[in-house]
Protein backbone atom coordinates (compact mmCIF):
# COMPACT_ATOMS: atom_id res chain seq x y z
CA UNK A 1 0.05 0.15 -0.15
CA UNK A 2 2.64 2.38 0.95
CA UNK A 3 4.52 1.10 -2.28
CA UNK A 4 1.50 2.21 -4.16
CA UNK A 5 1.35 5.28 -2.70
CA UNK A 6 5.11 6.07 -3.32
CA UNK A 7 4.68 4.97 -6.95
CA UNK A 8 1.67 7.07 -7.30
CA UNK A 9 3.52 10.14 -5.60
CA UNK A 10 6.53 9.47 -7.78
CA UNK A 11 4.58 9.38 -10.80
CA UNK A 12 2.78 12.31 -9.64
CA UNK A 13 6.20 13.89 -9.22
CA UNK A 14 6.84 12.96 -12.52
CA UNK A 15 4.09 14.08 -14.07
CA UNK A 16 4.51 17.50 -12.52
CA UNK A 17 7.90 17.76 -13.74
CA UNK A 18 6.81 16.87 -17.19
CA UNK A 19 4.06 19.31 -16.96
CA UNK A 20 6.66 21.75 -15.71
CA UNK A 21 8.88 21.25 -18.76
CA UNK A 22 6.23 21.18 -21.06
CA UNK A 23 4.89 24.38 -19.66
CA UNK A 24 8.53 25.62 -19.88
CA UNK A 25 8.72 24.63 -23.37
CA UNK A 26 5.51 25.88 -24.15
CA UNK A 27 6.53 29.46 -22.47
CA UNK A 28 9.89 29.27 -24.54
CA UNK A 29 7.58 28.47 -27.62
CA UNK A 30 5.17 31.18 -26.77
CA UNK A 31 7.95 33.59 -26.12
CA UNK A 32 9.98 32.67 -29.73
CA UNK A 33 6.41 32.91 -31.30
CA UNK A 34 5.72 36.34 -30.05
CA UNK A 35 9.41 37.36 -31.00
CA UNK A 36 8.84 36.05 -34.54
CA UNK A 37 5.40 37.69 -34.79
CA UNK A 38 7.04 40.81 -33.72
CA UNK A 39 9.95 40.55 -36.18
CA UNK A 40 7.67 39.56 -38.91
CA UNK A 41 5.42 42.73 -38.04
CA UNK A 42 8.55 44.89 -37.84
CA UNK A 43 9.96 43.34 -40.91
CA UNK A 44 6.45 44.30 -42.38
CA UNK A 45 6.35 47.71 -41.33
CA UNK A 46 9.95 48.23 -42.51
CA UNK A 47 8.96 47.08 -45.90
CA UNK A 48 5.83 49.32 -45.97
CA UNK A 49 8.21 52.33 -44.86
CA UNK A 50 10.63 51.60 -47.46
CA UNK A 51 7.99 51.30 -50.16
CA UNK A 52 6.42 54.48 -49.06
CA UNK A 53 9.77 56.17 -49.31
CA UNK A 54 10.40 54.77 -52.46
CA UNK A 55 7.03 56.06 -53.73
CA UNK A 56 8.03 59.60 -52.11
CA UNK A 57 11.49 59.45 -53.77
CA UNK A 58 9.97 58.70 -56.79
CA UNK A 59 7.29 61.34 -56.92
CA UNK A 60 9.77 63.77 -55.64
CA UNK A 61 11.97 62.59 -58.53
CA UNK A 62 9.35 63.05 -61.08
CA UNK A 63 8.32 66.45 -59.90
CA UNK A 64 11.97 67.40 -59.89
CA UNK A 65 12.50 65.99 -63.54
CA UNK A 66 9.15 67.88 -64.30
CA UNK A 67 10.43 71.41 -62.87
CA UNK A 68 13.74 70.83 -64.49
CA UNK A 69 12.08 70.25 -67.84
CA UNK A 70 9.90 73.47 -67.41
CA UNK A 71 13.13 75.34 -66.22
CA UNK A 72 14.83 73.98 -69.39
CA UNK A 73 11.83 75.18 -71.65
CA UNK A 74 11.97 78.62 -69.80
CA UNK A 75 15.40 78.91 -70.24
CA UNK A 76 15.42 77.49 -73.72
CA UNK A 77 12.71 80.16 -74.61
CA UNK A 78 14.67 83.16 -72.79
CA UNK A 79 17.70 82.09 -74.96
CA UNK A 80 15.72 81.85 -78.13
CA UNK A 81 14.31 85.29 -77.55
CA UNK A 82 17.62 86.52 -76.80
CA UNK A 83 18.98 84.78 -80.07
CA UNK A 84 15.93 86.16 -81.93
CA UNK A 85 16.82 90.04 -80.54
CA UNK A 86 20.48 89.22 -81.66
CA UNK A 87 19.39 87.95 -85.14
CA UNK A 88 17.17 91.09 -85.49
CA UNK A 89 20.18 93.36 -84.63
CA UNK A 90 22.64 91.41 -86.90
CA UNK A 91 19.96 91.85 -89.69
CA UNK A 92 19.62 95.51 -89.01
CA UNK A 93 23.35 95.90 -89.00
CA UNK A 94 23.27 94.23 -92.04
CA UNK A 95 20.83 96.52 -93.62
CA UNK A 96 22.70 99.60 -92.25
CA UNK A 97 25.86 98.01 -93.56
CA UNK A 98 24.66 97.48 -96.97
CA UNK A 99 22.98 101.18 -97.12
CA UNK A 100 26.15 102.43 -96.12
CA UNK A 101 27.97 100.37 -98.76
CA UNK A 102 25.60 101.55 -101.23
CA UNK A 103 26.24 105.23 -100.07
CA UNK A 104 30.04 104.67 -100.07
CA UNK A 105 29.60 103.23 -103.61
CA UNK A 106 27.42 106.14 -104.78
CA UNK A 107 30.02 108.67 -103.52
CA UNK A 108 32.64 106.54 -105.11
CA UNK A 109 31.08 107.07 -108.27
CA UNK A 110 30.40 110.73 -107.75
CA UNK A 111 34.10 111.21 -106.58
CA UNK A 112 35.17 109.50 -110.09
CA UNK A 113 32.97 111.80 -111.87
CA UNK A 114 34.19 114.85 -110.01
CA UNK A 115 37.76 113.82 -110.42
CA UNK A 116 37.13 113.57 -114.28
CA UNK A 117 35.22 116.87 -114.29
CA UNK A 118 38.28 118.32 -112.30
CA UNK A 119 40.78 117.00 -114.52
CA UNK A 120 38.68 118.26 -117.38
CA UNK A 121 38.53 121.98 -115.67
CA UNK A 122 42.27 121.92 -114.85
CA UNK A 123 43.26 121.27 -118.52
CA UNK A 124 40.72 124.09 -119.66
CA UNK A 125 42.45 126.40 -116.78
CA UNK A 126 45.98 125.67 -118.19
CA UNK A 127 44.66 126.53 -121.68
CA UNK A 128 43.37 129.64 -120.64
CA UNK A 129 46.15 130.47 -118.12
CA UNK A 130 48.56 129.97 -121.16
CA UNK A 131 45.99 132.42 -123.30
CA UNK A 132 45.94 134.88 -120.35
CA UNK A 133 49.66 134.86 -119.79
CA UNK A 134 50.21 135.41 -123.70
CA UNK A 135 47.76 138.31 -123.29
CA UNK A 136 49.36 139.76 -120.56
CA UNK A 137 52.62 139.86 -121.97
CA UNK A 138 51.24 141.61 -125.03
CA UNK A 139 49.46 144.11 -122.93
CA UNK A 140 52.65 144.83 -120.67
CA UNK A 141 54.57 145.41 -124.02
CA UNK A 142 51.92 147.83 -125.00
CA UNK A 143 51.88 149.68 -121.77
CA UNK A 144 55.67 149.81 -121.77
CA UNK A 145 55.50 151.27 -125.19
CA UNK A 146 52.51 153.70 -124.00
CA UNK A 147 54.34 154.72 -120.81
CA UNK A 148 57.41 155.89 -122.89
CA UNK A 149 55.24 157.76 -125.07
CA UNK A 150 53.51 159.40 -122.10
CA UNK A 151 56.87 160.12 -120.21
CA UNK A 152 58.19 161.67 -123.69
CA UNK A 153 55.26 163.76 -124.26
CA UNK A 154 54.52 165.00 -120.58
CA UNK A 155 58.26 165.35 -119.65
CA UNK A 156 57.32 163.79 -116.07
CA UNK A 157 58.75 160.87 -114.38
CA UNK A 158 56.89 157.66 -113.36
CA UNK A 159 56.43 158.64 -109.65
CA UNK A 160 55.66 162.36 -110.50
CA UNK A 161 52.96 161.24 -112.72
CA UNK A 162 51.48 158.47 -110.59
CA UNK A 163 51.20 161.11 -107.61
CA UNK A 164 49.44 163.48 -110.04
CA UNK A 165 47.00 160.95 -110.93
CA UNK A 166 46.23 159.81 -107.48
CA UNK A 167 45.78 163.17 -106.30
CA UNK A 168 43.36 163.97 -108.91
CA UNK A 169 41.55 160.86 -108.56
CA UNK A 170 41.29 161.49 -104.61
CA UNK A 171 39.70 164.83 -105.37
CA UNK A 172 37.23 163.67 -107.80
CA UNK A 173 36.23 160.76 -105.62
CA UNK A 174 35.78 162.54 -102.41
CA UNK A 175 33.53 164.97 -104.35
CA UNK A 176 31.62 162.24 -105.69
CA UNK A 177 31.53 160.54 -102.37
CA UNK A 178 30.27 163.72 -100.68
CA UNK A 179 27.69 164.37 -103.19
CA UNK A 180 26.28 160.49 -103.11
CA UNK A 181 26.36 160.55 -99.27
CA UNK A 182 24.37 163.98 -99.22
CA UNK A 183 21.92 162.67 -101.70
CA UNK A 184 21.47 159.30 -99.84
CA UNK A 185 21.14 160.99 -96.76
CA UNK A 186 18.38 163.31 -98.02
CA UNK A 187 16.52 160.33 -99.68
CA UNK A 188 16.69 158.41 -96.27
CA UNK A 189 15.44 161.34 -94.39
CA UNK A 190 12.56 161.72 -96.70
CA UNK A 191 11.63 158.09 -96.55
CA UNK A 192 12.09 157.44 -93.05
CA UNK A 193 10.34 160.44 -91.61
CA UNK A 194 7.10 159.65 -92.99
CA UNK A 195 7.16 156.05 -92.04
CA UNK A 196 8.11 156.66 -88.78
CA UNK A 197 5.36 159.31 -88.41
CA UNK A 198 3.00 156.75 -89.71
CA UNK A 199 4.20 153.87 -87.52
CA UNK A 200 3.85 156.04 -84.12
CA UNK A 201 0.35 157.24 -85.43
CA UNK A 202 -0.83 153.76 -86.13
CA UNK A 203 0.68 152.65 -82.64
CA UNK A 204 -0.86 155.34 -80.28
CA UNK A 205 -4.17 154.68 -82.53
CA UNK A 206 -4.06 150.78 -81.44
CA UNK A 207 -3.28 151.59 -77.80
CA UNK A 208 -6.22 153.92 -77.24
CA UNK A 209 -5.86 154.25 -73.50
CA UNK A 210 -7.55 156.75 -71.30
CA UNK A 211 -4.71 159.68 -70.22
CA UNK A 212 -2.32 158.09 -67.62
CA UNK A 213 -2.55 161.17 -65.19
CA UNK A 214 -3.46 160.14 -61.67
CA UNK A 215 -4.15 162.92 -59.11
CA UNK A 216 -2.58 161.98 -55.84
CA UNK A 217 -3.37 163.54 -52.53
CA UNK A 218 -1.81 163.46 -49.44
CA UNK A 219 -4.85 165.30 -47.17
CA UNK A 220 -7.08 163.48 -44.85
CA UNK A 221 -10.64 164.51 -44.39
CA UNK A 222 -11.94 164.93 -40.92
CA UNK A 223 -15.48 164.97 -39.64
CA UNK A 224 -15.09 168.50 -37.45
CA UNK A 225 -12.23 170.71 -36.15
CA UNK A 226 -12.49 168.85 -32.70
CA UNK A 227 -10.71 165.88 -34.14
CA UNK A 228 -7.58 168.04 -34.91
CA UNK A 229 -7.09 168.23 -30.93
CA UNK A 230 -7.44 164.63 -30.70
CA UNK A 231 -5.04 163.92 -33.37
CA UNK A 232 -2.52 166.25 -31.58
CA UNK A 233 -3.25 164.63 -28.22
CA UNK A 234 -2.21 165.91 -24.89
CA UNK A 235 0.88 167.90 -25.12
CA UNK A 236 1.38 166.80 -28.86
CA UNK A 237 1.99 163.25 -27.74
CA UNK A 238 -0.42 161.50 -30.34
CA UNK A 239 1.10 163.45 -33.14
CA UNK A 240 4.61 163.02 -32.14
CA UNK A 241 4.18 159.26 -31.82
CA UNK A 242 2.22 159.29 -35.22
CA UNK A 243 5.04 161.26 -37.04
CA UNK A 244 7.61 159.03 -35.52
CA UNK A 245 6.22 155.67 -36.17
CA UNK A 246 5.18 156.69 -39.80
CA UNK A 247 8.01 159.08 -40.85
CA UNK A 248 5.97 161.71 -42.36
CA UNK A 249 4.73 165.10 -41.26
CA UNK A 250 1.42 166.12 -40.10
CA UNK A 251 0.55 169.40 -40.89
CA UNK A 252 -2.60 170.79 -39.02
CA UNK A 253 -3.52 174.43 -39.75
CA UNK A 254 -6.60 176.78 -39.99
CA UNK A 255 -7.75 174.76 -43.25
CA UNK A 256 -11.21 173.32 -42.11
CA UNK A 257 -12.13 169.74 -42.39
CA UNK A 258 -8.56 168.83 -43.53
CA UNK A 259 -5.32 167.17 -42.16
CA UNK A 260 -2.37 167.24 -44.49
CA UNK A 261 0.32 164.30 -44.72
CA UNK A 262 3.69 165.30 -45.94
CA UNK A 263 6.21 162.72 -46.89
CA UNK A 264 9.08 162.58 -49.60
CA UNK A 265 8.54 158.65 -49.74
CA UNK A 266 5.06 158.13 -51.63
CA UNK A 267 4.75 154.61 -50.25
CA UNK A 268 5.41 156.08 -46.43
CA UNK A 269 2.88 158.78 -47.15
CA UNK A 270 0.39 156.45 -48.34
CA UNK A 271 0.54 154.25 -45.03
CA UNK A 272 0.35 157.54 -43.21
CA UNK A 273 -2.66 158.38 -44.87
CA UNK A 274 -4.59 155.30 -44.71
CA UNK A 275 -3.59 154.86 -41.01
CA UNK A 276 -4.70 158.39 -40.15
CA UNK A 277 -8.09 157.67 -41.95
CA UNK A 278 -8.54 154.36 -40.01
CA UNK A 279 -7.68 156.42 -36.53
CA UNK A 280 -10.52 159.17 -37.26
CA UNK A 281 -13.09 156.33 -38.19
CA UNK A 282 -12.00 154.30 -34.96
CA UNK A 283 -12.00 157.06 -32.72
CA UNK A 284 -9.53 155.65 -30.33
CA UNK A 285 -6.46 157.77 -30.81
CA UNK A 286 -3.55 157.00 -28.61
CA UNK A 287 0.05 155.79 -29.25
CA UNK A 288 -0.29 152.16 -28.49
CA UNK A 289 -3.57 152.17 -31.10
CA UNK A 290 -1.32 154.28 -33.51
CA UNK A 291 1.60 151.69 -33.50
CA UNK A 292 -1.00 148.88 -33.94
CA UNK A 293 -2.85 150.39 -36.93
CA UNK A 294 0.20 151.46 -38.79
CA UNK A 295 1.60 147.96 -38.43
CA UNK A 296 -1.73 146.58 -40.02
CA UNK A 297 -1.55 149.25 -42.78
CA UNK A 298 2.03 148.61 -43.70
CA UNK A 299 1.37 145.19 -44.16
CA UNK A 300 -2.00 145.50 -46.22
CA UNK A 301 0.10 148.32 -48.28
CA UNK A 302 2.79 145.40 -48.96
CA UNK A 303 0.20 143.00 -50.26
CA UNK A 304 -1.30 145.64 -52.25
CA UNK A 305 2.08 146.56 -53.76
CA UNK A 306 2.48 142.92 -54.81
CA UNK A 307 -0.85 142.72 -56.15
CA UNK A 308 -0.11 145.50 -58.25
CA UNK A 309 3.03 144.34 -59.38
CA UNK A 310 1.64 140.91 -60.63
CA UNK A 311 -1.44 142.82 -62.04
CA UNK A 312 0.87 144.87 -64.32
CA UNK A 313 3.16 142.16 -65.45
CA UNK A 314 0.06 140.15 -66.23
CA UNK A 315 -1.57 143.07 -68.48
CA UNK A 316 1.45 143.70 -70.12
CA UNK A 317 1.90 140.02 -70.90
CA UNK A 318 5.30 140.09 -69.45
CA UNK A 319 6.42 136.51 -67.35
CA UNK A 320 8.86 135.24 -65.40
CA UNK A 321 9.88 138.29 -63.34
CA UNK A 322 12.11 138.06 -60.37
CA UNK A 323 9.86 138.83 -57.07
CA UNK A 324 11.94 141.79 -55.99
CA UNK A 325 10.98 143.36 -59.47
CA UNK A 326 7.41 142.50 -59.06
CA UNK A 327 7.59 144.31 -55.60
CA UNK A 328 9.58 147.41 -57.30
CA UNK A 329 7.04 147.51 -60.06
CA UNK A 330 4.10 147.45 -57.72
CA UNK A 331 5.57 150.38 -55.77
CA UNK A 332 5.43 152.53 -58.97
CA UNK A 333 1.72 152.67 -58.25
CA UNK A 334 2.42 155.05 -55.47
CA UNK A 335 4.70 157.11 -57.62
CA UNK A 336 3.93 160.30 -59.83
CA UNK A 337 5.96 162.22 -62.48
CA UNK A 338 4.27 165.57 -62.93
CA UNK A 339 1.07 164.11 -61.60
CA UNK A 340 1.31 160.99 -64.37
CA UNK A 341 0.99 157.50 -62.30
CA UNK A 342 4.54 155.99 -63.11
CA UNK A 343 2.87 152.29 -63.39
CA UNK A 344 0.13 153.42 -65.64
CA UNK A 345 2.90 154.97 -67.64
CA UNK A 346 5.15 151.89 -67.61
CA UNK A 347 2.41 149.97 -68.68
CA UNK A 348 1.56 152.01 -71.52
CA UNK A 349 5.07 152.26 -72.85
CA UNK A 350 5.27 148.62 -72.85
CA UNK A 351 2.34 148.08 -75.05
CA UNK A 352 3.50 150.83 -77.53
CA UNK A 353 7.32 149.61 -77.66
CA UNK A 354 5.87 146.26 -78.27
CA UNK A 355 3.63 147.23 -81.15
CA UNK A 356 6.48 149.37 -82.40
CA UNK A 357 8.86 146.54 -82.38
CA UNK A 358 6.26 144.53 -84.18
CA UNK A 359 5.74 146.99 -86.85
CA UNK A 360 9.42 146.84 -87.43
CA UNK A 361 9.64 142.70 -87.51
CA UNK A 362 11.47 142.69 -83.75
CA UNK A 363 10.54 140.63 -80.89
CA UNK A 364 7.29 142.25 -79.47
CA UNK A 365 7.51 140.46 -76.16
CA UNK A 366 10.92 141.42 -75.48
CA UNK A 367 10.04 144.93 -76.18
CA UNK A 368 7.04 144.79 -74.14
CA UNK A 369 9.47 143.55 -71.06
CA UNK A 370 11.96 146.49 -71.87
CA UNK A 371 9.03 149.17 -72.04
CA UNK A 372 7.46 147.64 -68.72
CA UNK A 373 10.61 147.96 -66.63
CA UNK A 374 12.13 151.11 -68.20
CA UNK A 375 11.24 153.43 -65.17
CA UNK A 376 11.92 150.47 -62.45
CA UNK A 377 14.65 152.62 -61.00
CA UNK A 378 12.03 155.40 -59.71
CA UNK A 379 10.78 152.84 -57.09
CA UNK A 380 13.91 153.03 -55.49
CA UNK A 381 15.54 156.48 -56.69
CA UNK A 382 14.85 157.89 -53.17
CA UNK A 383 16.91 155.35 -51.21
CA UNK A 384 19.79 155.10 -53.74
CA UNK A 385 22.01 157.71 -55.06
CA UNK A 386 21.93 158.67 -58.72
CA UNK A 387 19.40 159.29 -61.54
CA UNK A 388 16.79 156.70 -61.95
CA UNK A 389 17.97 155.22 -65.29
CA UNK A 390 21.20 154.28 -63.66
CA UNK A 391 19.33 152.79 -60.77
CA UNK A 392 17.18 150.79 -62.67
CA UNK A 393 19.48 149.34 -65.06
CA UNK A 394 21.63 148.19 -61.86
CA UNK A 395 18.59 146.76 -60.15
CA UNK A 396 17.66 144.83 -63.22
CA UNK A 397 21.11 143.53 -63.92
CA UNK A 398 21.24 142.56 -60.34
CA UNK A 399 17.86 140.37 -60.55
CA UNK A 400 18.97 138.54 -63.84
CA UNK A 401 17.34 140.58 -66.72
CA UNK A 402 19.07 140.18 -69.99
CA UNK A 403 21.43 143.11 -71.76
CA UNK A 404 18.44 144.31 -74.01
CA UNK A 405 16.14 145.25 -71.22
CA UNK A 406 19.16 146.56 -68.80
CA UNK A 407 20.26 148.76 -71.66
CA UNK A 408 16.90 150.02 -72.47
CA UNK A 409 16.33 151.19 -68.74
CA UNK A 410 19.96 153.05 -68.92
CA UNK A 411 19.41 154.76 -72.03
CA UNK A 412 15.80 155.55 -72.58
CA UNK A 413 16.63 159.30 -71.66
CA UNK A 414 19.46 159.26 -74.31
CA UNK A 415 21.91 159.18 -71.39
CA UNK A 416 24.03 156.95 -73.52
CA UNK A 417 24.58 156.05 -77.08
CA UNK A 418 21.67 153.95 -78.01
CA UNK A 419 23.51 150.63 -79.25
CA UNK A 420 20.46 148.58 -79.53
CA UNK A 421 17.14 149.23 -81.22
CA UNK A 422 14.85 148.07 -78.30
CA UNK A 423 16.51 151.12 -76.43
CA UNK A 424 15.39 153.76 -79.09
CA UNK A 425 11.99 152.10 -79.40
CA UNK A 426 11.68 152.54 -75.50
CA UNK A 427 12.77 156.17 -75.44
CA UNK A 428 10.31 157.03 -78.37
CA UNK A 429 7.32 155.31 -76.37
CA UNK A 430 8.43 156.91 -73.28
CA UNK A 431 8.22 160.22 -74.95
CA UNK A 432 4.98 159.60 -76.66
CA UNK A 433 3.53 158.48 -73.41
CA UNK A 434 4.60 161.52 -71.70
CA UNK A 435 3.49 163.92 -74.23
CA UNK A 436 -0.11 162.52 -74.58
CA UNK A 437 -2.41 165.49 -74.13
CA UNK A 438 -3.90 165.30 -70.54
CA UNK A 439 -0.95 162.65 -69.30
CA UNK A 440 0.70 165.19 -67.26
CA UNK A 441 -1.20 168.12 -65.83
CA UNK A 442 1.31 171.16 -65.04
CA UNK A 443 0.23 174.84 -65.05
CA UNK A 444 1.71 176.71 -67.75
CA UNK A 445 2.61 179.45 -65.30
CA UNK A 446 4.62 176.98 -63.21
CA UNK A 447 6.11 175.25 -66.33
CA UNK A 448 7.40 178.76 -67.71
CA UNK A 449 8.52 179.58 -64.25
CA UNK A 450 10.88 176.72 -63.99
CA UNK A 451 12.37 177.26 -67.53
CA UNK A 452 12.92 180.78 -66.52
CA UNK A 453 14.64 179.91 -63.33
CA UNK A 454 17.01 177.30 -65.25
CA UNK A 455 17.99 179.75 -68.09
CA UNK A 456 18.52 182.68 -65.43
CA UNK A 457 20.62 180.65 -62.91
CA UNK A 458 22.81 179.22 -66.10
CA UNK A 459 23.20 182.77 -67.55
CA UNK A 460 24.18 184.46 -64.29
CA UNK A 461 27.81 182.81 -64.56
CA UNK A 462 30.24 184.99 -66.04
CA UNK A 463 31.21 183.63 -69.48
CA UNK A 464 27.87 182.57 -70.39
CA UNK A 465 26.02 184.37 -73.15
CA UNK A 466 23.13 182.48 -73.79
CA UNK A 467 21.14 179.44 -72.20
CA UNK A 468 18.31 177.30 -73.35
CA UNK A 469 16.11 175.10 -71.39
CA UNK A 470 14.94 171.97 -73.61
CA UNK A 471 13.25 168.88 -73.11
CA UNK A 472 10.88 170.30 -70.37
CA UNK A 473 13.55 171.11 -68.54
CA UNK A 474 15.73 167.92 -68.48
CA UNK A 475 18.45 169.43 -70.26
CA UNK A 476 19.85 172.84 -70.38
CA UNK A 477 22.13 174.04 -73.34
CA UNK A 478 24.53 176.72 -72.38
CA UNK A 479 26.36 178.79 -75.22
CA UNK A 480 29.97 179.99 -73.60
CA UNK A 481 31.35 183.42 -74.96
CA UNK A 482 34.38 182.46 -76.77
CA UNK A 483 36.28 185.81 -76.18
CA UNK A 484 35.87 185.42 -72.23
CA UNK A 485 36.25 181.65 -71.68
CA UNK A 486 38.59 178.72 -72.54
CA UNK A 487 37.85 175.06 -72.89
CA UNK A 488 39.10 174.32 -69.28
CA UNK A 489 37.22 177.26 -67.80
CA UNK A 490 33.92 176.30 -69.59
CA UNK A 491 34.21 172.93 -68.41
CA UNK A 492 34.47 174.51 -64.95
CA UNK A 493 31.33 176.65 -65.37
CA UNK A 494 29.39 173.79 -66.69
CA UNK A 495 29.82 172.00 -63.39
CA UNK A 496 29.35 175.04 -61.39
CA UNK A 497 26.22 175.53 -63.31
CA UNK A 498 24.93 171.78 -62.29
CA UNK A 499 25.99 172.40 -58.92
CA UNK A 500 23.85 175.57 -58.75
CA UNK A 501 20.93 173.48 -60.00
CA UNK A 502 21.27 171.10 -57.26
CA UNK A 503 21.40 173.72 -54.45
CA UNK A 504 18.76 176.09 -55.46
CA UNK A 505 16.36 173.93 -57.30
CA UNK A 506 13.70 171.13 -56.46
CA UNK A 507 13.26 168.58 -59.48
CA UNK A 508 12.38 165.16 -60.35
CA UNK A 509 14.91 163.03 -62.03
CA UNK A 510 18.04 164.43 -63.72
CA UNK A 511 18.87 168.05 -65.43
CA UNK A 512 21.87 167.45 -68.13
CA UNK A 513 23.91 170.46 -68.55
CA UNK A 514 25.58 170.80 -72.19
CA UNK A 515 28.29 173.78 -72.40
CA UNK A 516 28.75 174.62 -76.05
CA UNK A 517 31.98 176.74 -76.81
CA UNK A 518 32.91 177.27 -80.65
CA UNK A 519 34.39 180.01 -82.65
CA UNK A 520 32.94 180.78 -86.11
CA UNK A 521 34.47 182.56 -89.18
CA UNK A 522 32.02 184.05 -92.02
CA UNK A 523 32.94 185.54 -95.05
CA UNK A 524 30.72 186.43 -98.24
CA UNK A 525 31.72 185.59 -101.94
CA UNK A 526 30.53 188.50 -104.10
């Protein structure tokens, strides 16, 4: 029994051992199976990744090939386009070269023809030269024979006969030349004077402007005489402040209803007149208010000056003026010459000069420019020494005007020799504008008095026999007594007369003094 139990136990142990071995083997197999499965899945995944990578690589390679083909096509198109341009250029060059070759060939043919003509002409000239030489030799022989015959007949030597003949020819030619010049001068004068008159009349009729006189005033109306006391102020503080700020003299006298503003500068006088009118209208008259209103009025006048200058340039159709020239042109609005407004006078001279230039076939635009700016020096001659022609010429040159305009401003009063036709036209238009009926208002008594003053001052000097005031008092011709003066003393008397005018008289512009000293001998042929 025990043996059976032992056997059964041994068998159980054996079975258990076998089962353990079997389980161990099954576990090992299961592990190996799992490893195999994992290896198989990994290999399958690797193959799939490899296939995907190959597919992607093939797709990228395919796209790269497509892009490379497209780029190659684009580059090929560019190269073909460049080649086409090069072919066109080469074709054009070939055509140009063909034309040039044809031209060269034609020139070559012409040169050959010309060479043949030159050779033919040279042969003809050589033949003519031989003929001329032969004839010259015959003439020389004849002249020698005639010369010898003349020497024998006249008894004069060759040099003496030559001098006598040349003197006679000079005398005859001088006489004929003088007669011819006189005839031509007379004919030119007869032809030019009517033509000049016709041109001037036609021009002035074309420019039918109203008279250019402009009555300026330096008086200010007041509502009552009590306003005079307010203008003067306590102990004269208002009028002193006003005169100091504006630079003018305010004259308050017994004249009812009027206050007079006096100043040498017309712009300053206008500023003062307008400021005083504003003060009277405002009623508040004290130094601070005066200063404020004068400053405002000065700004208004400056704007008006520029406006007047621009309007004048536009009216005369003159463009491209320097801003400073525009400003000076506008200042002429407040300047008068013998009561003639200088700005209106300048515009009129511009139109007349332009029309005269067009009548003569010259540049009308340039002539209008010269005419408009000829009196520009009058806008600054109070601040600068010298006459307005020289001042105007210097200003125009400084601000870039051309030589024609500068010369016209300098020479429109015949102070210099007029080397340019526009200067003569400008001077003519200036004289016509100033001499228009009604252009300049001046009483006859005042005019005669000024002329008499000029002549009396000139004749008061020792050695002066006569004096004549001409050109409305702009020039005085003085006749010196030759028995009491010499050239040197006459020059000194001329200078002394000019100094006397400057010291004793007040006048616009300049007065030219011309001293004439000559000796005349007269005989009568009976």
